């Protein structure tokens, strides 16, 4: 069975402005998704807000730069992910359509296998 990473991109302000009620509602939605997806979920986690991000880049002179900021500034930020096992991309997409992303959307990417 193939593995797919479902990346959850959302506007963080929806959570910041929504308070505890939004967190509780969306937490329930993720619980329902996990129950529906069952054994297809291999792993997953939520990420801390982008304000906690540290980016590491090599500049043009080859020096390493460490910055207290996300890698890229964007309206929607990577907020979490699920690692799924599915027989094919269509099945992974069918599961990903159920992932709660009230303030954005999800991206499905096949895991590259090196043999």
N, C-alpha and C. Protein backbone atom coordinates (compact mmCIF):
# COMPACT_ATOMS: atom_id res chain seq x y z
N UNK A 1 0.83 -1.17 0.00
CA UNK A 1 0.00 0.00 0.00
C UNK A 1 0.88 1.25 0.00
N UNK A 2 0.49 2.26 -0.72
CA UNK A 2 1.28 3.50 -0.82
C UNK A 2 0.97 4.42 0.36
N UNK A 3 1.89 5.34 0.62
CA UNK A 3 1.68 6.33 1.66
C UNK A 3 1.57 7.72 1.04
N UNK A 4 0.74 8.54 1.66
CA UNK A 4 0.48 9.90 1.20
C UNK A 4 0.50 10.83 2.41
N UNK A 5 1.09 12.00 2.23
CA UNK A 5 1.10 13.00 3.26
C UNK A 5 0.02 14.02 2.92
N UNK A 6 -0.88 14.23 3.85
CA UNK A 6 -1.92 15.24 3.70
C UNK A 6 -1.50 16.44 4.53
N UNK A 7 -1.15 17.52 3.86
CA UNK A 7 -0.68 18.74 4.52
C UNK A 7 -1.87 19.68 4.70
N UNK A 8 -2.05 20.16 5.91
CA UNK A 8 -3.19 21.03 6.23
C UNK A 8 -2.70 22.48 6.29
N UNK A 9 -3.18 23.28 5.34
CA UNK A 9 -2.82 24.70 5.27
C UNK A 9 -4.04 25.53 5.64
N UNK A 10 -3.87 26.40 6.62
CA UNK A 10 -4.98 27.24 7.03
C UNK A 10 -4.51 28.63 7.43
N UNK A 11 -5.45 29.56 7.46
CA UNK A 11 -5.19 30.91 7.96
C UNK A 11 -5.23 30.84 9.49
N UNK A 12 -4.11 31.07 10.13
CA UNK A 12 -4.01 30.94 11.59
C UNK A 12 -4.92 31.92 12.33
N UNK A 13 -5.29 33.02 11.69
CA UNK A 13 -6.12 34.01 12.39
C UNK A 13 -7.50 33.44 12.73
N UNK A 14 -7.97 32.47 11.97
CA UNK A 14 -9.25 31.84 12.28
C UNK A 14 -9.24 31.20 13.66
N UNK A 15 -8.12 30.59 14.02
CA UNK A 15 -7.99 29.98 15.34
C UNK A 15 -7.75 31.05 16.41
N UNK A 16 -6.90 32.02 16.08
CA UNK A 16 -6.58 33.08 17.04
C UNK A 16 -7.83 33.88 17.40
N UNK A 17 -8.68 34.15 16.42
CA UNK A 17 -9.89 34.95 16.65
C UNK A 17 -11.05 34.12 17.18
N UNK A 18 -11.03 32.82 16.95
CA UNK A 18 -12.15 31.96 17.32
C UNK A 18 -12.16 31.51 18.76
N UNK A 19 -11.02 31.54 19.41
CA UNK A 19 -10.94 31.15 20.81
C UNK A 19 -11.14 29.67 21.05
N UNK A 20 -11.43 29.35 22.29
CA UNK A 20 -11.53 27.96 22.73
C UNK A 20 -12.66 27.21 22.04
N UNK A 21 -13.74 27.90 21.70
CA UNK A 21 -14.87 27.23 21.05
C UNK A 21 -14.47 26.65 19.70
N UNK A 22 -13.72 27.42 18.91
CA UNK A 22 -13.27 26.93 17.60
C UNK A 22 -12.36 25.72 17.78
N UNK A 23 -11.41 25.82 18.73
CA UNK A 23 -10.51 24.69 18.97
C UNK A 23 -11.29 23.43 19.34
N UNK A 24 -12.31 23.59 20.17
CA UNK A 24 -13.11 22.43 20.58
C UNK A 24 -13.89 21.85 19.40
N UNK A 25 -14.51 22.71 18.60
CA UNK A 25 -15.27 22.24 17.44
C UNK A 25 -14.39 21.50 16.45
N UNK A 26 -13.26 22.10 16.12
CA UNK A 26 -12.38 21.49 15.12
C UNK A 26 -11.70 20.25 15.69
N UNK A 27 -11.42 20.24 16.97
CA UNK A 27 -10.90 19.03 17.61
C UNK A 27 -11.86 17.87 17.46
N UNK A 28 -13.15 18.14 17.63
CA UNK A 28 -14.16 17.09 17.44
C UNK A 28 -14.19 16.62 15.98
N UNK A 29 -14.03 17.58 15.04
CA UNK A 29 -14.02 17.21 13.63
C UNK A 29 -12.84 16.30 13.30
N UNK A 30 -11.68 16.57 13.91
CA UNK A 30 -10.52 15.71 13.68
C UNK A 30 -10.72 14.34 14.32
N UNK A 31 -11.38 14.29 15.45
CA UNK A 31 -11.69 13.00 16.08
C UNK A 31 -12.60 12.18 15.18
N UNK A 32 -13.60 12.81 14.61
CA UNK A 32 -14.51 12.11 13.69
C UNK A 32 -13.74 11.63 12.46
N UNK A 33 -12.87 12.50 11.91
CA UNK A 33 -12.07 12.08 10.77
C UNK A 33 -11.23 10.86 11.13
N UNK A 34 -10.58 10.89 12.28
CA UNK A 34 -9.72 9.77 12.69
C UNK A 34 -10.53 8.49 12.84
N UNK A 35 -11.72 8.59 13.36
CA UNK A 35 -12.58 7.41 13.49
C UNK A 35 -12.98 6.87 12.11
N UNK A 36 -13.29 7.77 11.18
CA UNK A 36 -13.69 7.35 9.83
C UNK A 36 -12.51 6.78 9.04
N UNK A 37 -11.34 7.38 9.18
CA UNK A 37 -10.17 6.94 8.42
C UNK A 37 -9.56 5.67 9.01
N UNK A 38 -9.71 5.48 10.30
CA UNK A 38 -9.25 4.26 10.96
C UNK A 38 -7.79 3.95 10.72
N UNK A 39 -7.52 2.73 10.29
CA UNK A 39 -6.15 2.23 10.12
C UNK A 39 -5.41 2.91 8.97
N UNK A 40 -6.11 3.68 8.14
CA UNK A 40 -5.43 4.40 7.05
C UNK A 40 -4.49 5.47 7.60
N UNK A 41 -4.76 5.94 8.82
CA UNK A 41 -3.89 6.96 9.42
C UNK A 41 -2.69 6.27 10.05
N UNK A 42 -1.51 6.57 9.50
CA UNK A 42 -0.26 6.02 10.00
C UNK A 42 0.35 6.96 11.04
N UNK A 43 0.09 8.25 10.90
CA UNK A 43 0.61 9.24 11.82
C UNK A 43 0.02 10.60 11.52
N UNK A 44 0.37 11.55 12.34
CA UNK A 44 -0.10 12.92 12.12
C UNK A 44 0.10 13.74 13.37
N UNK A 45 0.16 15.04 13.18
CA UNK A 45 0.31 15.97 14.29
C UNK A 45 -0.14 17.35 13.88
N UNK A 46 -0.49 18.14 14.88
CA UNK A 46 -0.70 19.57 14.68
C UNK A 46 0.63 20.25 14.95
N UNK A 47 0.82 21.40 14.33
CA UNK A 47 2.05 22.16 14.53
C UNK A 47 1.76 23.43 15.33
N UNK A 48 2.74 23.87 16.08
CA UNK A 48 2.62 25.15 16.78
C UNK A 48 2.49 26.26 15.74
N UNK A 49 1.95 27.44 16.12
CA UNK A 49 1.79 28.55 15.16
C UNK A 49 3.10 28.97 14.52
N UNK A 50 3.00 29.63 13.37
CA UNK A 50 4.19 30.04 12.63
C UNK A 50 5.08 30.99 13.42
N UNK A 51 4.53 31.68 14.41
CA UNK A 51 5.34 32.58 15.24
C UNK A 51 6.43 31.82 15.99
N UNK A 52 6.29 30.51 16.11
CA UNK A 52 7.29 29.69 16.82
C UNK A 52 8.33 29.10 15.87
N UNK A 53 8.17 29.36 14.57
CA UNK A 53 9.04 28.73 13.56
C UNK A 53 10.45 29.31 13.57
N UNK A 54 11.39 28.46 13.25
CA UNK A 54 12.78 28.85 13.03
C UNK A 54 13.18 28.31 11.67
N UNK A 55 13.67 29.19 10.81
CA UNK A 55 14.09 28.78 9.47
C UNK A 55 15.61 28.77 9.38
N UNK A 56 16.12 27.79 8.67
CA UNK A 56 17.56 27.63 8.48
C UNK A 56 17.82 27.57 6.99
N UNK A 57 18.65 28.48 6.50
CA UNK A 57 18.95 28.55 5.07
C UNK A 57 20.44 28.77 4.87
N UNK A 58 20.92 28.30 3.75
CA UNK A 58 22.29 28.58 3.33
C UNK A 58 22.22 29.77 2.38
N UNK A 59 22.96 30.85 2.68
CA UNK A 59 22.92 32.02 1.80
C UNK A 59 23.85 31.83 0.60
N UNK A 60 23.91 32.82 -0.26
CA UNK A 60 24.66 32.70 -1.50
C UNK A 60 26.16 32.53 -1.27
N UNK A 61 26.68 32.95 -0.12
CA UNK A 61 28.11 32.77 0.17
C UNK A 61 28.38 31.45 0.88
N UNK A 62 27.34 30.67 1.11
CA UNK A 62 27.51 29.35 1.73
C UNK A 62 27.38 29.36 3.24
N UNK A 63 27.16 30.53 3.84
CA UNK A 63 26.98 30.61 5.28
C UNK A 63 25.56 30.18 5.65
N UNK A 64 25.42 29.62 6.83
CA UNK A 64 24.12 29.20 7.33
C UNK A 64 23.50 30.36 8.10
N UNK A 65 22.26 30.67 7.76
CA UNK A 65 21.51 31.72 8.46
C UNK A 65 20.34 31.09 9.19
N UNK A 66 20.17 31.45 10.45
CA UNK A 66 19.06 30.98 11.28
C UNK A 66 18.18 32.19 11.57
N UNK A 67 16.90 32.08 11.26
CA UNK A 67 15.96 33.18 11.41
C UNK A 67 14.75 32.73 12.21
N UNK A 68 14.32 33.55 13.15
CA UNK A 68 13.10 33.27 13.90
C UNK A 68 11.90 33.74 13.08
N UNK A 69 11.51 32.89 12.16
CA UNK A 69 10.38 33.20 11.27
C UNK A 69 10.10 31.96 10.43
N UNK A 70 8.89 31.89 9.88
CA UNK A 70 8.61 30.76 8.99
C UNK A 70 9.43 30.85 7.71
N UNK A 71 9.56 29.72 7.02
CA UNK A 71 10.34 29.64 5.79
C UNK A 71 9.80 30.59 4.74
N UNK A 72 8.48 30.68 4.65
CA UNK A 72 7.84 31.57 3.67
C UNK A 72 6.67 32.26 4.34
N UNK A 73 6.51 33.53 4.06
CA UNK A 73 5.35 34.28 4.55
C UNK A 73 4.18 34.00 3.62
N UNK A 74 3.06 33.61 4.19
CA UNK A 74 1.88 33.32 3.38
C UNK A 74 0.64 33.50 4.23
N UNK A 75 -0.49 33.75 3.59
CA UNK A 75 -1.75 33.88 4.32
C UNK A 75 -2.10 32.56 5.00
N UNK A 76 -1.93 31.47 4.28
CA UNK A 76 -2.22 30.15 4.84
C UNK A 76 -0.89 29.48 5.16
N UNK A 77 -0.82 28.92 6.36
CA UNK A 77 0.41 28.30 6.82
C UNK A 77 0.18 26.81 7.09
N UNK A 78 1.26 26.05 7.02
CA UNK A 78 1.18 24.63 7.35
C UNK A 78 0.90 24.50 8.84
N UNK A 79 -0.25 23.90 9.16
CA UNK A 79 -0.65 23.81 10.56
C UNK A 79 -0.66 22.40 11.09
N UNK A 80 -0.53 21.41 10.21
CA UNK A 80 -0.53 20.03 10.66
C UNK A 80 -0.53 19.10 9.47
N UNK A 81 -0.55 17.82 9.76
CA UNK A 81 -0.49 16.83 8.69
C UNK A 81 -1.02 15.49 9.16
N UNK A 82 -1.40 14.67 8.21
CA UNK A 82 -1.71 13.26 8.43
C UNK A 82 -0.87 12.46 7.45
N UNK A 83 -0.32 11.36 7.91
CA UNK A 83 0.33 10.40 7.04
C UNK A 83 -0.65 9.25 6.87
N UNK A 84 -1.06 9.02 5.61
CA UNK A 84 -2.07 8.01 5.32
C UNK A 84 -1.50 6.89 4.47
N UNK A 85 -2.07 5.71 4.63
CA UNK A 85 -1.82 4.60 3.71
C UNK A 85 -3.10 4.38 2.92
N UNK A 86 -2.94 4.29 1.61
CA UNK A 86 -4.09 4.09 0.74
C UNK A 86 -3.64 3.29 -0.48
N UNK A 87 -4.57 2.57 -1.10
CA UNK A 87 -4.19 1.76 -2.25
C UNK A 87 -3.76 2.57 -3.46
N UNK A 88 -4.27 3.82 -3.58
CA UNK A 88 -3.90 4.67 -4.72
C UNK A 88 -4.24 6.12 -4.40
N UNK A 89 -3.88 7.02 -5.32
CA UNK A 89 -4.10 8.44 -5.11
C UNK A 89 -5.58 8.76 -4.97
N UNK A 90 -6.42 8.13 -5.74
CA UNK A 90 -7.86 8.40 -5.65
C UNK A 90 -8.40 8.11 -4.25
N UNK A 91 -7.94 7.00 -3.66
CA UNK A 91 -8.38 6.65 -2.31
C UNK A 91 -7.83 7.65 -1.29
N UNK A 92 -6.59 8.09 -1.50
CA UNK A 92 -6.00 9.09 -0.60
C UNK A 92 -6.76 10.41 -0.69
N UNK A 93 -7.14 10.80 -1.89
CA UNK A 93 -7.91 12.03 -2.08
C UNK A 93 -9.27 11.92 -1.41
N UNK A 94 -9.90 10.76 -1.54
CA UNK A 94 -11.21 10.56 -0.91
C UNK A 94 -11.10 10.75 0.61
N UNK A 95 -10.02 10.24 1.20
CA UNK A 95 -9.81 10.45 2.64
C UNK A 95 -9.49 11.91 2.94
N UNK A 96 -8.63 12.51 2.14
CA UNK A 96 -8.20 13.89 2.38
C UNK A 96 -9.37 14.88 2.29
N UNK A 97 -10.37 14.57 1.49
CA UNK A 97 -11.55 15.43 1.40
C UNK A 97 -12.27 15.54 2.73
N UNK A 98 -12.04 14.59 3.63
CA UNK A 98 -12.70 14.58 4.93
C UNK A 98 -11.90 15.28 6.02
N UNK A 99 -10.66 15.66 5.72
CA UNK A 99 -9.80 16.29 6.73
C UNK A 99 -10.33 17.70 7.02
N UNK A 100 -10.58 18.00 8.29
CA UNK A 100 -11.05 19.35 8.63
C UNK A 100 -10.01 20.41 8.30
N UNK A 101 -10.42 21.42 7.56
CA UNK A 101 -9.56 22.56 7.23
C UNK A 101 -10.46 23.77 7.03
N UNK A 102 -11.15 24.16 8.08
CA UNK A 102 -12.16 25.21 8.02
C UNK A 102 -11.62 26.54 7.49
N UNK A 103 -10.37 26.83 7.79
CA UNK A 103 -9.80 28.13 7.42
C UNK A 103 -8.80 28.02 6.26
N UNK A 104 -8.92 26.96 5.46
CA UNK A 104 -7.98 26.79 4.35
C UNK A 104 -8.29 25.55 3.55
N UNK A 105 -7.26 24.73 3.33
CA UNK A 105 -7.43 23.52 2.54
C UNK A 105 -6.31 22.54 2.81
N UNK A 106 -6.31 21.45 2.08
CA UNK A 106 -5.29 20.43 2.25
C UNK A 106 -4.60 20.14 0.93
N UNK A 107 -3.41 19.60 1.04
CA UNK A 107 -2.63 19.17 -0.13
C UNK A 107 -2.26 17.71 0.09
N UNK A 108 -2.41 16.89 -0.94
CA UNK A 108 -2.05 15.47 -0.86
C UNK A 108 -0.79 15.25 -1.68
N UNK A 109 0.22 14.64 -1.04
CA UNK A 109 1.48 14.37 -1.74
C UNK A 109 1.88 12.92 -1.52
N UNK A 110 2.17 12.18 -2.60
CA UNK A 110 2.67 10.81 -2.44
C UNK A 110 4.04 10.84 -1.78
N UNK A 111 4.30 9.86 -0.93
CA UNK A 111 5.61 9.70 -0.32
C UNK A 111 6.53 9.03 -1.35
N UNK A 112 7.69 9.62 -1.53
CA UNK A 112 8.66 9.07 -2.48
C UNK A 112 9.38 7.87 -1.83
N UNK A 113 9.41 6.78 -2.55
CA UNK A 113 10.05 5.56 -2.05
C UNK A 113 11.36 5.36 -2.78
N UNK A 114 12.42 5.22 -2.02
CA UNK A 114 13.75 4.96 -2.60
C UNK A 114 14.05 3.48 -2.42
N UNK A 115 14.38 2.82 -3.50
CA UNK A 115 14.68 1.39 -3.41
C UNK A 115 16.09 1.12 -3.85
